[in-house]
Amino acid sequence: NALARLELSPVGVRRPTTGVAHACVWGDLDGASRLLDWIGVLPRHRFV
């Protein structure tokens, strides 16, 4: 979140906090969509 300067990935004291991968894309998301599809990051967990 600090690198993205946005609150994108949940942070908390309850463990485990992160259960799925979240992605933040710098630049155009369309260019990275096929790459994220291959990696397996769900669209709802992709941020620009």
All heavy atoms as atom14 arrays in JSON, in Angstrom:
{
  "sequence": "NALARLELSPVGVRRPTTGVAHACVWGDLDGASRLLDWIGVLPRHRFV",
  "atom14_mask": [
    [1, 1, 1, 1, 1, 1, 1, 1, 0, 0, 0, 0, 0, 0],
    [1, 1, 1, 1, 1, 0, 0, 0, 0, 0, 0, 0, 0, 0],
    [1, 1, 1, 1, 1, 1, 1, 1, 0, 0, 0, 0, 0, 0],
    [1, 1, 1, 1, 1, 0, 0, 0, 0, 0, 0, 0, 0, 0],
    [1, 1, 1, 1, 1, 1, 1, 1, 1, 1, 1, 0, 0, 0],
    [1, 1, 1, 1, 1, 1, 1, 1, 0, 0, 0, 0, 0, 0],
    [1, 1, 1, 1, 1, 1, 1, 1, 1, 0, 0, 0, 0, 0],
    [1, 1, 1, 1, 1, 1, 1, 1, 0, 0, 0, 0, 0, 0],
    [1, 1, 1, 1, 1, 1, 0, 0, 0, 0, 0, 0, 0, 0],
    [1, 1, 1, 1, 1, 1, 1, 0, 0, 0, 0, 0, 0, 0],
    [1, 1, 1, 1, 1, 1, 1, 0, 0, 0, 0, 0, 0, 0],
    [1, 1, 1, 1, 0, 0, 0, 0, 0, 0, 0, 0, 0, 0],
    [1, 1, 1, 1, 1, 1, 1, 0, 0, 0, 0, 0, 0, 0],
    [1, 1, 1, 1, 1, 1, 1, 1, 1, 1, 1, 0, 0, 0],
    [1, 1, 1, 1, 1, 1, 1, 1, 1, 1, 1, 0, 0, 0],
    [1, 1, 1, 1, 1, 1, 1, 0, 0, 0, 0, 0, 0, 0],
    [1, 1, 1, 1, 1, 1, 1, 0, 0, 0, 0, 0, 0, 0],
    [1, 1, 1, 1, 1, 1, 1, 0, 0, 0, 0, 0, 0, 0],
    [1, 1, 1, 1, 0, 0, 0, 0, 0, 0, 0, 0, 0, 0],
    [1, 1, 1, 1, 1, 1, 1, 0, 0, 0, 0, 0, 0, 0],
    [1, 1, 1, 1, 1, 0, 0, 0, 0, 0, 0, 0, 0, 0],
    [1, 1, 1, 1, 1, 1, 1, 1, 1, 1, 0, 0, 0, 0],
    [1, 1, 1, 1, 1, 0, 0, 0, 0, 0, 0, 0, 0, 0],
    [1, 1, 1, 1, 1, 1, 0, 0, 0, 0, 0, 0, 0, 0],
    [1, 1, 1, 1, 1, 1, 1, 0, 0, 0, 0, 0, 0, 0],
    [1, 1, 1, 1, 1, 1, 1, 1, 1, 1, 1, 1, 1, 1],
    [1, 1, 1, 1, 0, 0, 0, 0, 0, 0, 0, 0, 0, 0],
    [1, 1, 1, 1, 1, 1, 1, 1, 0, 0, 0, 0, 0, 0],
    [1, 1, 1, 1, 1, 1, 1, 1, 0, 0, 0, 0, 0, 0],
    [1, 1, 1, 1, 1, 1, 1, 1, 0, 0, 0, 0, 0, 0],
    [1, 1, 1, 1, 0, 0, 0, 0, 0, 0, 0, 0, 0, 0],
    [1, 1, 1, 1, 1, 0, 0, 0, 0, 0, 0, 0, 0, 0],
    [1, 1, 1, 1, 1, 1, 0, 0, 0, 0, 0, 0, 0, 0],
    [1, 1, 1, 1, 1, 1, 1, 1, 1, 1, 1, 0, 0, 0],
    [1, 1, 1, 1, 1, 1, 1, 1, 0, 0, 0, 0, 0, 0],
    [1, 1, 1, 1, 1, 1, 1, 1, 0, 0, 0, 0, 0, 0],
    [1, 1, 1, 1, 1, 1, 1, 1, 0, 0, 0, 0, 0, 0],
    [1, 1, 1, 1, 1, 1, 1, 1, 1, 1, 1, 1, 1, 1],
    [1, 1, 1, 1, 1, 1, 1, 1, 0, 0, 0, 0, 0, 0],
    [1, 1, 1, 1, 0, 0, 0, 0, 0, 0, 0, 0, 0, 0],
    [1, 1, 1, 1, 1, 1, 1, 0, 0, 0, 0, 0, 0, 0],
    [1, 1, 1, 1, 1, 1, 1, 1, 0, 0, 0, 0, 0, 0],
    [1, 1, 1, 1, 1, 1, 1, 0, 0, 0, 0, 0, 0, 0],
    [1, 1, 1, 1, 1, 1, 1, 1, 1, 1, 1, 0, 0, 0],
    [1, 1, 1, 1, 1, 1, 1, 1, 1, 1, 0, 0, 0, 0],
    [1, 1, 1, 1, 1, 1, 1, 1, 1, 1, 1, 0, 0, 0],
    [1, 1, 1, 1, 1, 1, 1, 1, 1, 1, 1, 0, 0, 0],
    [1, 1, 1, 1, 1, 1, 1, 0, 0, 0, 0, 0, 0, 0]
  ],
  "atom14_positions": [
    [[0.82, -1.2, 0.0], [0.0, 0.0, 0.0], [0.86, 1.26, 0.0], [0.53, 2.25, -0.67], [-0.93, 0.01, 1.22], [-1.97, -1.1, 1.15], [-2.34, -1.55, 0.06], [-2.45, -1.55, 2.32], [0.0, 0.0, 0.0], [0.0, 0.0, 0.0], [0.0, 0.0, 0.0], [0.0, 0.0, 0.0], [0.0, 0.0, 0.0], [0.0, 0.0, 0.0]],
    [[1.98, 1.22, 0.73], [2.84, 2.39, 0.79], [3.49, 2.68, -0.56], [3.62, 3.84, -0.96], [3.92, 2.17, 1.86], [0.0, 0.0, 0.0], [0.0, 0.0, 0.0], [0.0, 0.0, 0.0], [0.0, 0.0, 0.0], [0.0, 0.0, 0.0], [0.0, 0.0, 0.0], [0.0, 0.0, 0.0], [0.0, 0.0, 0.0], [0.0, 0.0, 0.0]],
    [[3.9, 1.63, -1.27], [4.49, 1.83, -2.6], [3.45, 2.35, -3.58], [3.75, 3.19, -4.44], [5.08, 0.51, -3.11], [6.37, 0.05, -2.44], [6.7, -1.39, -2.86], [7.53, 0.97, -2.8], [0.0, 0.0, 0.0], [0.0, 0.0, 0.0], [0.0, 0.0, 0.0], [0.0, 0.0, 0.0], [0.0, 0.0, 0.0], [0.0, 0.0, 0.0]],
    [[2.21, 1.83, -3.47], [1.14, 2.3, -4.34], [0.57, 3.64, -3.89], [-0.12, 4.31, -4.67], [0.03, 1.26, -4.39], [0.0, 0.0, 0.0], [0.0, 0.0, 0.0], [0.0, 0.0, 0.0], [0.0, 0.0, 0.0], [0.0, 0.0, 0.0], [0.0, 0.0, 0.0], [0.0, 0.0, 0.0], [0.0, 0.0, 0.0], [0.0, 0.0, 0.0]],
    [[0.86, 4.02, -2.63], [0.33, 5.26, -2.04], [-1.2, 5.25, -2.05], [-1.86, 6.28, -2.15], [0.85, 6.49, -2.78], [2.37, 6.62, -2.73], [2.87, 7.8, -3.51], [4.34, 7.83, -3.51], [5.08, 8.71, -4.19], [4.47, 9.63, -4.93], [6.4, 8.66, -4.14], [0.0, 0.0, 0.0], [0.0, 0.0, 0.0], [0.0, 0.0, 0.0]],
    [[-1.75, 4.03, -1.96], [-3.18, 3.82, -1.89], [-3.45, 2.65, -0.96], [-2.6, 1.77, -0.81], [-3.78, 3.52, -3.27], [-3.71, 4.62, -4.33], [-4.14, 4.07, -5.68], [-4.59, 5.8, -3.94], [0.0, 0.0, 0.0], [0.0, 0.0, 0.0], [0.0, 0.0, 0.0], [0.0, 0.0, 0.0], [0.0, 0.0, 0.0], [0.0, 0.0, 0.0]],
    [[-4.62, 2.6, -0.35], [-5.0, 1.47, 0.48], [-5.67, 0.43, -0.41], [-6.89, 0.44, -0.63], [-5.95, 1.92, 1.6], [-5.32, 2.8, 2.64], [-4.23, 2.06, 3.42], [-4.4, 0.83, 3.66], [-3.2, 2.68, 3.76], [0.0, 0.0, 0.0], [0.0, 0.0, 0.0], [0.0, 0.0, 0.0], [0.0, 0.0, 0.0], [0.0, 0.0, 0.0]],
    [[-4.88, -0.5, -0.95], [-5.37, -1.48, -1.9], [-5.49, -2.87, -1.31], [-6.43, -3.6, -1.58], [-4.45, -1.54, -3.14], [-4.23, -0.21, -3.87], [-3.27, -0.42, -5.03], [-5.55, 0.35, -4.37], [0.0, 0.0, 0.0], [0.0, 0.0, 0.0], [0.0, 0.0, 0.0], [0.0, 0.0, 0.0], [0.0, 0.0, 0.0], [0.0, 0.0, 0.0]],
    [[-4.53, -3.24, -0.49], [-4.52, -4.59, 0.08], [-4.88, -4.5, 1.54], [-4.38, -3.62, 2.27], [-3.12, -5.2, -0.08], [-3.13, -6.55, 0.33], [0.0, 0.0, 0.0], [0.0, 0.0, 0.0], [0.0, 0.0, 0.0], [0.0, 0.0, 0.0], [0.0, 0.0, 0.0], [0.0, 0.0, 0.0], [0.0, 0.0, 0.0], [0.0, 0.0, 0.0]],
    [[-5.76, -5.37, 2.03], [-6.21, -5.28, 3.41], [-5.08, -5.49, 4.4], [-4.23, -6.36, 4.22], [-7.27, -6.38, 3.52], [-6.94, -7.34, 2.43], [-6.37, -6.51, 1.32], [0.0, 0.0, 0.0], [0.0, 0.0, 0.0], [0.0, 0.0, 0.0], [0.0, 0.0, 0.0], [0.0, 0.0, 0.0], [0.0, 0.0, 0.0], [0.0, 0.0, 0.0]],
    [[-5.07, -4.68, 5.44], [-4.08, -4.79, 6.51], [-4.83, -4.93, 7.81], [-5.81, -4.23, 8.05], [-3.17, -3.54, 6.55], [-2.17, -3.65, 7.69], [-2.46, -3.35, 5.22], [0.0, 0.0, 0.0], [0.0, 0.0, 0.0], [0.0, 0.0, 0.0], [0.0, 0.0, 0.0], [0.0, 0.0, 0.0], [0.0, 0.0, 0.0], [0.0, 0.0, 0.0]],
    [[-4.39, -5.86, 8.67], [-5.07, -6.05, 9.93], [-4.28, -6.92, 10.86], [-3.23, -7.46, 10.5], [0.0, 0.0, 0.0], [0.0, 0.0, 0.0], [0.0, 0.0, 0.0], [0.0, 0.0, 0.0], [0.0, 0.0, 0.0], [0.0, 0.0, 0.0], [0.0, 0.0, 0.0], [0.0, 0.0, 0.0], [0.0, 0.0, 0.0], [0.0, 0.0, 0.0]],
    [[-4.8, -7.09, 12.06], [-4.12, -7.91, 13.07], [-4.58, -9.36, 12.98], [-3.94, -10.25, 13.53], [-4.4, -7.35, 14.48], [-3.8, -5.97, 14.62], [-5.91, -7.31, 14.75], [0.0, 0.0, 0.0], [0.0, 0.0, 0.0], [0.0, 0.0, 0.0], [0.0, 0.0, 0.0], [0.0, 0.0, 0.0], [0.0, 0.0, 0.0], [0.0, 0.0, 0.0]],
    [[-5.68, -9.6, 12.29], [-6.18, -10.96, 12.16], [-5.35, -11.7, 11.11], [-5.12, -11.2, 10.02], [-7.66, -10.94, 11.76], [-8.3, -12.32, 11.67], [-9.79, -12.18, 11.44], [-10.43, -13.48, 11.28], [-10.6, -14.07, 10.1], [-10.18, -13.47, 8.99], [-11.19, -15.25, 10.03], [0.0, 0.0, 0.0], [0.0, 0.0, 0.0], [0.0, 0.0, 0.0]],
    [[-4.87, -12.91, 11.45], [-3.99, -13.67, 10.56], [-4.7, -14.94, 10.09], [-5.39, -15.59, 10.86], [-2.7, -14.05, 11.29], [-1.94, -12.87, 11.88], [-1.5, -11.9, 10.82], [-0.7, -10.81, 11.41], [-0.71, -9.57, 10.96], [-1.47, -9.26, 9.94], [0.03, -8.66, 11.54], [0.0, 0.0, 0.0], [0.0, 0.0, 0.0], [0.0, 0.0, 0.0]],
    [[-4.48, -15.3, 8.81], [-3.74, -14.52, 7.82], [-4.63, -13.43, 7.22], [-5.82, -13.62, 7.02], [-3.4, -15.56, 6.75], [-4.51, -16.55, 6.83], [-4.92, -16.61, 8.29], [0.0, 0.0, 0.0], [0.0, 0.0, 0.0], [0.0, 0.0, 0.0], [0.0, 0.0, 0.0], [0.0, 0.0, 0.0], [0.0, 0.0, 0.0], [0.0, 0.0, 0.0]],
    [[-4.04, -12.26, 6.96], [-4.8, -11.14, 6.42], [-4.97, -11.28, 4.91], [-6.06, -11.15, 4.38], [-4.1, -9.81, 6.76], [-3.96, -9.72, 8.17], [-4.92, -8.64, 6.24], [0.0, 0.0, 0.0], [0.0, 0.0, 0.0], [0.0, 0.0, 0.0], [0.0, 0.0, 0.0], [0.0, 0.0, 0.0], [0.0, 0.0, 0.0], [0.0, 0.0, 0.0]],
    [[-3.85, -11.53, 4.19], [-3.88, -11.62, 2.73], [-4.15, -13.06, 2.32], [-3.33, -13.94, 2.55], [-2.54, -11.15, 2.14], [-2.23, -9.86, 2.66], [-2.61, -11.1, 0.63], [0.0, 0.0, 0.0], [0.0, 0.0, 0.0], [0.0, 0.0, 0.0], [0.0, 0.0, 0.0], [0.0, 0.0, 0.0], [0.0, 0.0, 0.0], [0.0, 0.0, 0.0]],
    [[-5.32, -13.3, 1.7], [-5.67, -14.65, 1.27], [-5.52, -14.86, -0.22], [-5.38, -15.98, -0.67], [0.0, 0.0, 0.0], [0.0, 0.0, 0.0], [0.0, 0.0, 0.0], [0.0, 0.0, 0.0], [0.0, 0.0, 0.0], [0.0, 0.0, 0.0], [0.0, 0.0, 0.0], [0.0, 0.0, 0.0], [0.0, 0.0, 0.0], [0.0, 0.0, 0.0]],
    [[-5.58, -13.77, -0.98], [-5.42, -13.85, -2.43], [-4.46, -12.75, -2.86], [-4.21, -11.79, -2.12], [-6.77, -13.68, -3.16], [-7.71, -14.83, -2.85], [-7.42, -12.34, -2.81], [0.0, 0.0, 0.0], [0.0, 0.0, 0.0], [0.0, 0.0, 0.0], [0.0, 0.0, 0.0], [0.0, 0.0, 0.0], [0.0, 0.0, 0.0], [0.0, 0.0, 0.0]],
    [[-3.92, -12.91, -4.06], [-2.98, -11.92, -4.56], [-3.72, -10.69, -5.06], [-4.78, -10.79, -5.67], [-2.15, -12.53, -5.68], [0.0, 0.0, 0.0], [0.0, 0.0, 0.0], [0.0, 0.0, 0.0], [0.0, 0.0, 0.0], [0.0, 0.0, 0.0], [0.0, 0.0, 0.0], [0.0, 0.0, 0.0], [0.0, 0.0, 0.0], [0.0, 0.0, 0.0]],
    [[-3.15, -9.53, -4.75], [-3.64, -8.26, -5.26], [-2.58, -7.69, -6.18], [-1.38, -7.89, -5.96], [-3.93, -7.27, -4.12], [-5.07, -7.71, -3.25], [-5.0, -8.76, -2.37], [-6.34, -7.2, -3.13], [-6.16, -8.9, -1.74], [-6.99, -7.96, -2.17], [0.0, 0.0, 0.0], [0.0, 0.0, 0.0], [0.0, 0.0, 0.0], [0.0, 0.0, 0.0]],
    [[-3.03, -6.97, -7.22], [-2.09, -6.43, -8.2], [-2.34, -4.95, -8.39], [-3.49, -4.5, -8.44], [-2.23, -7.15, -9.54], [0.0, 0.0, 0.0], [0.0, 0.0, 0.0], [0.0, 0.0, 0.0], [0.0, 0.0, 0.0], [0.0, 0.0, 0.0], [0.0, 0.0, 0.0], [0.0, 0.0, 0.0], [0.0, 0.0, 0.0], [0.0, 0.0, 0.0]],
    [[-1.25, -4.21, -8.47], [-1.32, -2.78, -8.78], [-0.47, -2.54, -10.01], [0.71, -2.93, -10.05], [-0.82, -1.95, -7.6], [-0.91, -0.16, -7.92], [0.0, 0.0, 0.0], [0.0, 0.0, 0.0], [0.0, 0.0, 0.0], [0.0, 0.0, 0.0], [0.0, 0.0, 0.0], [0.0, 0.0, 0.0], [0.0, 0.0, 0.0], [0.0, 0.0, 0.0]],
    [[-1.07, -1.91, -11.01], [-0.39, -1.69, -12.29], [-0.1, -0.2, -12.44], [-1.01, 0.62, -12.32], [-1.26, -2.17, -13.46], [-0.56, -1.92, -14.79], [-1.59, -3.65, -13.3], [0.0, 0.0, 0.0], [0.0, 0.0, 0.0], [0.0, 0.0, 0.0], [0.0, 0.0, 0.0], [0.0, 0.0, 0.0], [0.0, 0.0, 0.0], [0.0, 0.0, 0.0]],
    [[1.15, 0.12, -12.7], [1.54, 1.49, -13.02], [1.48, 1.64, -14.54], [2.21, 0.97, -15.29], [2.96, 1.78, -12.53], [3.05, 2.21, -11.1], [3.25, 3.48, -10.64], [2.95, 1.39, -9.94], [3.27, 3.51, -9.26], [3.09, 2.23, -8.8], [2.72, 0.02, -9.73], [3.05, 1.75, -7.51], [2.67, -0.44, -8.43], [2.84, 0.41, -7.35]],
    [[0.58, 2.49, -15.0], [0.4, 2.65, -16.43], [-0.94, 2.1, -16.86], [-1.88, 1.97, -16.07], [0.0, 0.0, 0.0], [0.0, 0.0, 0.0], [0.0, 0.0, 0.0], [0.0, 0.0, 0.0], [0.0, 0.0, 0.0], [0.0, 0.0, 0.0], [0.0, 0.0, 0.0], [0.0, 0.0, 0.0], [0.0, 0.0, 0.0], [0.0, 0.0, 0.0]],
    [[-1.01, 1.73, -18.14], [-2.27, 1.27, -18.73], [-2.57, -0.16, -18.28], [-1.75, -1.06, -18.46], [-2.17, 1.34, -20.25], [-3.49, 0.97, -20.93], [-4.51, 0.93, -20.23], [-3.46, 0.73, -22.15], [0.0, 0.0, 0.0], [0.0, 0.0, 0.0], [0.0, 0.0, 0.0], [0.0, 0.0, 0.0], [0.0, 0.0, 0.0], [0.0, 0.0, 0.0]],
    [[-3.75, -0.37, -17.71], [-4.13, -1.71, -17.24], [-4.38, -2.66, -18.4], [-4.1, -3.86, -18.31], [-5.39, -1.62, -16.37], [-5.95, -2.95, -15.84], [-4.92, -3.65, -14.96], [-7.23, -2.72, -15.06], [0.0, 0.0, 0.0], [0.0, 0.0, 0.0], [0.0, 0.0, 0.0], [0.0, 0.0, 0.0], [0.0, 0.0, 0.0], [0.0, 0.0, 0.0]],
    [[-4.88, -2.12, -19.54], [-5.2, -3.0, -20.67], [-3.96, -3.74, -21.16], [-4.03, -4.92, -21.52], [-5.8, -2.18, -21.82], [-7.16, -1.59, -21.46], [-7.8, -2.15, -20.55], [-7.56, -0.59, -22.07], [0.0, 0.0, 0.0], [0.0, 0.0, 0.0], [0.0, 0.0, 0.0], [0.0, 0.0, 0.0], [0.0, 0.0, 0.0], [0.0, 0.0, 0.0]],
    [[-2.83, -3.08, -21.16], [-1.61, -3.73, -21.62], [-1.16, -4.85, -20.73], [-0.45, -5.76, -21.17], [0.0, 0.0, 0.0], [0.0, 0.0, 0.0], [0.0, 0.0, 0.0], [0.0, 0.0, 0.0], [0.0, 0.0, 0.0], [0.0, 0.0, 0.0], [0.0, 0.0, 0.0], [0.0, 0.0, 0.0], [0.0, 0.0, 0.0], [0.0, 0.0, 0.0]],
    [[-1.57, -4.82, -19.44], [-1.14, -5.85, -18.5], [-2.22, -6.89, -18.25], [-1.97, -7.86, -17.5], [-0.75, -5.2, -17.16], [0.0, 0.0, 0.0], [0.0, 0.0, 0.0], [0.0, 0.0, 0.0], [0.0, 0.0, 0.0], [0.0, 0.0, 0.0], [0.0, 0.0, 0.0], [0.0, 0.0, 0.0], [0.0, 0.0, 0.0], [0.0, 0.0, 0.0]],
    [[-3.39, -6.74, -18.86], [-4.5, -7.64, -18.55], [-4.19, -9.09, -18.91], [-4.44, -10.01, -18.12], [-5.76, -7.18, -19.29], [-6.2, -5.94, -18.78], [0.0, 0.0, 0.0], [0.0, 0.0, 0.0], [0.0, 0.0, 0.0], [0.0, 0.0, 0.0], [0.0, 0.0, 0.0], [0.0, 0.0, 0.0], [0.0, 0.0, 0.0], [0.0, 0.0, 0.0]],
    [[-3.66, -9.3, -20.14], [-3.36, -10.67, -20.54], [-2.31, -11.28, -19.62], [-2.36, -12.48, -19.3], [-2.86, -10.69, -21.98], [-3.93, -10.41, -23.02], [-3.36, -10.53, -24.41], [-2.82, -11.88, -24.63], [-1.87, -12.16, -25.51], [-1.33, -11.19, -26.23], [-1.45, -13.4, -25.65], [0.0, 0.0, 0.0], [0.0, 0.0, 0.0], [0.0, 0.0, 0.0]],
    [[-1.36, -10.48, -19.19], [-0.31, -10.97, -18.29], [-0.92, -11.37, -16.96], [-0.59, -12.43, -16.39], [0.75, -9.88, -18.11], [2.03, -10.25, -17.37], [2.73, -11.42, -18.02], [2.96, -9.05, -17.29], [0.0, 0.0, 0.0], [0.0, 0.0, 0.0], [0.0, 0.0, 0.0], [0.0, 0.0, 0.0], [0.0, 0.0, 0.0], [0.0, 0.0, 0.0]],
    [[-1.83, -10.56, -16.43], [-2.46, -10.88, -15.15], [-3.43, -12.05, -15.29], [-3.61, -12.82, -14.33], [-3.19, -9.64, -14.62], [-2.27, -8.51, -14.13], [-3.08, -7.27, -13.8], [-1.48, -8.97, -12.9], [0.0, 0.0, 0.0], [0.0, 0.0, 0.0], [0.0, 0.0, 0.0], [0.0, 0.0, 0.0], [0.0, 0.0, 0.0], [0.0, 0.0, 0.0]],
    [[-4.04, -12.18, -16.47], [-4.89, -13.36, -16.69], [-4.04, -14.63, -16.59], [-4.47, -15.63, -16.01], [-5.54, -13.28, -18.07], [-6.64, -12.22, -18.15], [-7.12, -11.81, -17.08], [-6.98, -11.8, -19.28], [0.0, 0.0, 0.0], [0.0, 0.0, 0.0], [0.0, 0.0, 0.0], [0.0, 0.0, 0.0], [0.0, 0.0, 0.0], [0.0, 0.0, 0.0]],
    [[-2.87, -14.6, -17.21], [-1.99, -15.77, -17.18], [-1.5, -16.05, -15.75], [-1.46, -17.2, -15.31], [-0.8, -15.53, -18.11], [0.25, -16.59, -18.05], [0.11, -17.9, -18.39], [1.6, -16.42, -17.63], [1.3, -18.57, -18.21], [2.24, -17.69, -17.74], [2.35, -15.33, -17.17], [3.57, -17.88, -17.41], [3.68, -15.52, -16.85], [4.28, -16.79, -16.97]],
    [[-1.17, -14.97, -15.02], [-0.69, -15.15, -13.64], [-1.82, -15.66, -12.75], [-1.58, -16.44, -11.82], [-0.12, -13.82, -13.12], [1.18, -13.49, -13.87], [0.16, -13.9, -11.62], [1.74, -12.13, -13.54], [0.0, 0.0, 0.0], [0.0, 0.0, 0.0], [0.0, 0.0, 0.0], [0.0, 0.0, 0.0], [0.0, 0.0, 0.0], [0.0, 0.0, 0.0]],
    [[-3.04, -15.24, -13.05], [-4.18, -15.73, -12.27], [-4.68, -14.76, -11.22], [-5.28, -15.2, -10.23], [0.0, 0.0, 0.0], [0.0, 0.0, 0.0], [0.0, 0.0, 0.0], [0.0, 0.0, 0.0], [0.0, 0.0, 0.0], [0.0, 0.0, 0.0], [0.0, 0.0, 0.0], [0.0, 0.0, 0.0], [0.0, 0.0, 0.0], [0.0, 0.0, 0.0]],
    [[-4.49, -13.48, -11.42], [-5.03, -12.47, -10.5], [-6.42, -12.09, -10.99], [-6.59, -11.68, -12.15], [-4.11, -11.23, -10.44], [-4.73, -10.17, -9.52], [-2.73, -11.62, -9.95], [0.0, 0.0, 0.0], [0.0, 0.0, 0.0], [0.0, 0.0, 0.0], [0.0, 0.0, 0.0], [0.0, 0.0, 0.0], [0.0, 0.0, 0.0], [0.0, 0.0, 0.0]],
    [[-7.4, -12.23, -10.13], [-8.78, -11.95, -10.51], [-8.96, -10.47, -10.85], [-8.32, -9.6, -10.24], [-9.73, -12.36, -9.39], [-9.72, -13.85, -9.01], [-10.64, -14.09, -7.83], [-10.14, -14.7, -10.2], [0.0, 0.0, 0.0], [0.0, 0.0, 0.0], [0.0, 0.0, 0.0], [0.0, 0.0, 0.0], [0.0, 0.0, 0.0], [0.0, 0.0, 0.0]],
    [[-9.83, -10.16, -11.8], [-10.03, -8.76, -12.19], [-10.41, -7.85, -11.01], [-10.01, -6.68, -10.98], [-11.17, -8.85, -13.22], [-11.01, -10.22, -13.82], [-10.56, -11.09, -12.67], [0.0, 0.0, 0.0], [0.0, 0.0, 0.0], [0.0, 0.0, 0.0], [0.0, 0.0, 0.0], [0.0, 0.0, 0.0], [0.0, 0.0, 0.0], [0.0, 0.0, 0.0]],
    [[-11.17, -8.39, -10.06], [-11.58, -7.53, -8.95], [-10.45, -7.2, -7.99], [-10.61, -6.35, -7.11], [-12.74, -8.18, -8.19], [-12.4, -9.47, -7.47], [-13.61, -9.94, -6.67], [-13.38, -11.19, -5.95], [-13.58, -12.39, -6.45], [-14.02, -12.51, -7.7], [-13.36, -13.47, -5.75], [0.0, 0.0, 0.0], [0.0, 0.0, 0.0], [0.0, 0.0, 0.0]],
    [[-9.32, -7.9, -8.18], [-8.16, -7.63, -7.32], [-7.06, -6.91, -8.08], [-5.91, -6.89, -7.65], [-7.61, -8.94, -6.75], [-8.55, -9.65, -5.85], [-8.7, -11.02, -5.82], [-9.46, -9.17, -4.94], [-9.61, -11.36, -4.94], [-10.1, -10.26, -4.39], [0.0, 0.0, 0.0], [0.0, 0.0, 0.0], [0.0, 0.0, 0.0], [0.0, 0.0, 0.0]],
    [[-7.41, -6.31, -9.23], [-6.45, -5.54, -10.02], [-6.75, -4.05, -9.85], [-7.9, -3.62, -9.94], [-6.54, -5.92, -11.5], [-6.37, -7.4, -11.77], [-6.62, -7.72, -13.24], [-6.63, -9.15, -13.49], [-6.88, -9.71, -14.68], [-7.11, -8.92, -15.73], [-6.89, -11.01, -14.82], [0.0, 0.0, 0.0], [0.0, 0.0, 0.0], [0.0, 0.0, 0.0]],
    [[-5.68, -3.29, -9.67], [-5.83, -1.86, -9.47], [-4.83, -1.13, -10.37], [-3.78, -1.67, -10.72], [-5.59, -1.48, -8.01], [-6.43, -2.28, -7.04], [-5.91, -3.4, -6.4], [-7.75, -1.92, -6.79], [-6.68, -4.15, -5.53], [-8.51, -2.67, -5.91], [-7.98, -3.79, -5.28], [0.0, 0.0, 0.0], [0.0, 0.0, 0.0], [0.0, 0.0, 0.0]],
    [[-5.19, 0.12, -10.7], [-4.34, 0.93, -11.57], [-3.8, 2.1, -10.76], [-4.56, 2.81, -10.09], [-5.11, 1.45, -12.79], [-4.2, 2.31, -13.68], [-5.68, 0.3, -13.59], [0.0, 0.0, 0.0], [0.0, 0.0, 0.0], [0.0, 0.0, 0.0], [0.0, 0.0, 0.0], [0.0, 0.0, 0.0], [0.0, 0.0, 0.0], [0.0, 0.0, 0.0]]
  ]
}
